[in-house]
Amino acid sequence: MKELFDQINAQYEAFKSEAEQHIEKGNKAAGTRARKAALEVSKLMKDFRKVSVEESKK
């Protein structure tokens, strides 16, 4: 679960960095990368929810 949490943090930091470049500098490629990172964060959050529910059942 700790590894999953670390992956979520890494992807969120990637999203944050790319989104800032897109918003502040108008970098269109960074916008694409930010959207991709956001999608990955969403998938990881779903995985986290599954793992969390399983852990709570123990």
C-alpha atoms as a PDB file:
ATOM      1  CA  MET A   1       0.000   0.000   0.000  1.00  0.00           C
ATOM      2  CA  LYS A   2       2.943   2.309   0.737  1.00  0.00           C
ATOM      3  CA  GLU A   3       4.261   1.736  -2.789  1.00  0.00           C
ATOM      4  CA  LEU A   4       0.889   2.668  -4.271  1.00  0.00           C
ATOM      5  CA  PHE A   5       0.806   5.814  -2.147  1.00  0.00           C
ATOM      6  CA  ASP A   6       4.276   6.755  -3.416  1.00  0.00           C
ATOM      7  CA  GLN A   7       3.157   6.208  -7.019  1.00  0.00           C
ATOM      8  CA  ILE A   8       0.158   8.466  -6.476  1.00  0.00           C
ATOM      9  CA  ASN A   9       2.376  11.201  -5.045  1.00  0.00           C
ATOM     10  CA  ALA A  10       4.841  10.925  -7.940  1.00  0.00           C
ATOM     11  CA  GLN A  11       2.095  11.143 -10.549  1.00  0.00           C
ATOM     12  CA  TYR A  12       0.474  14.065  -8.761  1.00  0.00           C
ATOM     13  CA  GLU A  13       3.771  15.941  -8.690  1.00  0.00           C
ATOM     14  CA  ALA A  14       4.184  15.271 -12.426  1.00  0.00           C
ATOM     15  CA  PHE A  15       0.654  16.566 -13.022  1.00  0.00           C
ATOM     16  CA  LYS A  16       1.276  19.658 -10.915  1.00  0.00           C
ATOM     17  CA  SER A  17       4.506  20.498 -12.725  1.00  0.00           C
ATOM     18  CA  GLU A  18       3.055  20.029 -16.207  1.00  0.00           C
ATOM     19  CA  ALA A  19      -0.157  21.887 -15.362  1.00  0.00           C
ATOM     20  CA  GLU A  20       1.819  24.872 -14.088  1.00  0.00           C
ATOM     21  CA  GLN A  21       3.832  24.978 -17.319  1.00  0.00           C
ATOM     22  CA  HIS A  22       0.646  24.801 -19.359  1.00  0.00           C
ATOM     23  CA  ILE A  23      -1.166  27.485 -17.378  1.00  0.00           C
ATOM     24  CA  GLU A  24       1.679  29.922 -16.781  1.00  0.00           C
ATOM     25  CA  LYS A  25       3.665  29.547 -19.996  1.00  0.00           C
ATOM     26  CA  GLY A  26       1.000  28.417 -22.423  1.00  0.00           C
ATOM     27  CA  ASN A  27       2.940  25.244 -23.233  1.00  0.00           C
ATOM     28  CA  LYS A  28       0.456  23.085 -25.154  1.00  0.00           C
ATOM     29  CA  ALA A  29       2.577  19.925 -24.915  1.00  0.00           C
ATOM     30  CA  ALA A  30       2.686  20.331 -21.139  1.00  0.00           C
ATOM     31  CA  GLY A  31      -1.122  20.433 -21.168  1.00  0.00           C
ATOM     32  CA  THR A  32      -1.177  17.075 -22.922  1.00  0.00           C
ATOM     33  CA  ARG A  33       1.257  15.623 -20.405  1.00  0.00           C
ATOM     34  CA  ALA A  34      -0.795  17.070 -17.520  1.00  0.00           C
ATOM     35  CA  ARG A  35      -3.966  15.433 -18.824  1.00  0.00           C
ATOM     36  CA  LYS A  36      -2.151  12.114 -19.166  1.00  0.00           C
ATOM     37  CA  ALA A  37      -0.822  12.397 -15.600  1.00  0.00           C
ATOM     38  CA  ALA A  38      -4.299  13.296 -14.326  1.00  0.00           C
ATOM     39  CA  LEU A  39      -5.718  10.172 -15.939  1.00  0.00           C
ATOM     40  CA  GLU A  40      -2.990   8.069 -14.329  1.00  0.00           C
ATOM     41  CA  VAL A  41      -3.697   9.639 -10.918  1.00  0.00           C
ATOM     42  CA  SER A  42      -7.362   8.751 -11.371  1.00  0.00           C
ATOM     43  CA  LYS A  43      -6.500   5.106 -12.106  1.00  0.00           C
ATOM     44  CA  LEU A  44      -4.133   4.929  -9.147  1.00  0.00           C
ATOM     45  CA  MET A  45      -6.768   6.410  -6.840  1.00  0.00           C
ATOM     46  CA  LYS A  46      -9.208   3.674  -7.882  1.00  0.00           C
ATOM     47  CA  ASP A  47      -6.531   1.088  -7.107  1.00  0.00           C
ATOM     48  CA  PHE A  48      -5.906   2.761  -3.751  1.00  0.00           C
ATOM     49  CA  ARG A  49      -9.587   2.541  -2.913  1.00  0.00           C
ATOM     50  CA  LYS A  50      -9.633  -1.196  -3.697  1.00  0.00           C
ATOM     51  CA  VAL A  51      -6.537  -1.852  -1.589  1.00  0.00           C
ATOM     52  CA  SER A  52      -7.836   0.300   1.236  1.00  0.00           C
ATOM     53  CA  VAL A  53     -11.132  -1.583   1.365  1.00  0.00           C
ATOM     54  CA  GLU A  54      -9.308  -4.919   1.395  1.00  0.00           C
ATOM     55  CA  GLU A  55      -7.020  -3.730   4.204  1.00  0.00           C
ATOM     56  CA  SER A  56      -9.989  -2.590   6.293  1.00  0.00           C
ATOM     57  CA  LYS A  57     -11.557  -6.032   6.034  1.00  0.00           C
ATOM     58  CA  LYS A  58      -8.584  -7.683   7.751  1.00  0.00           C
END
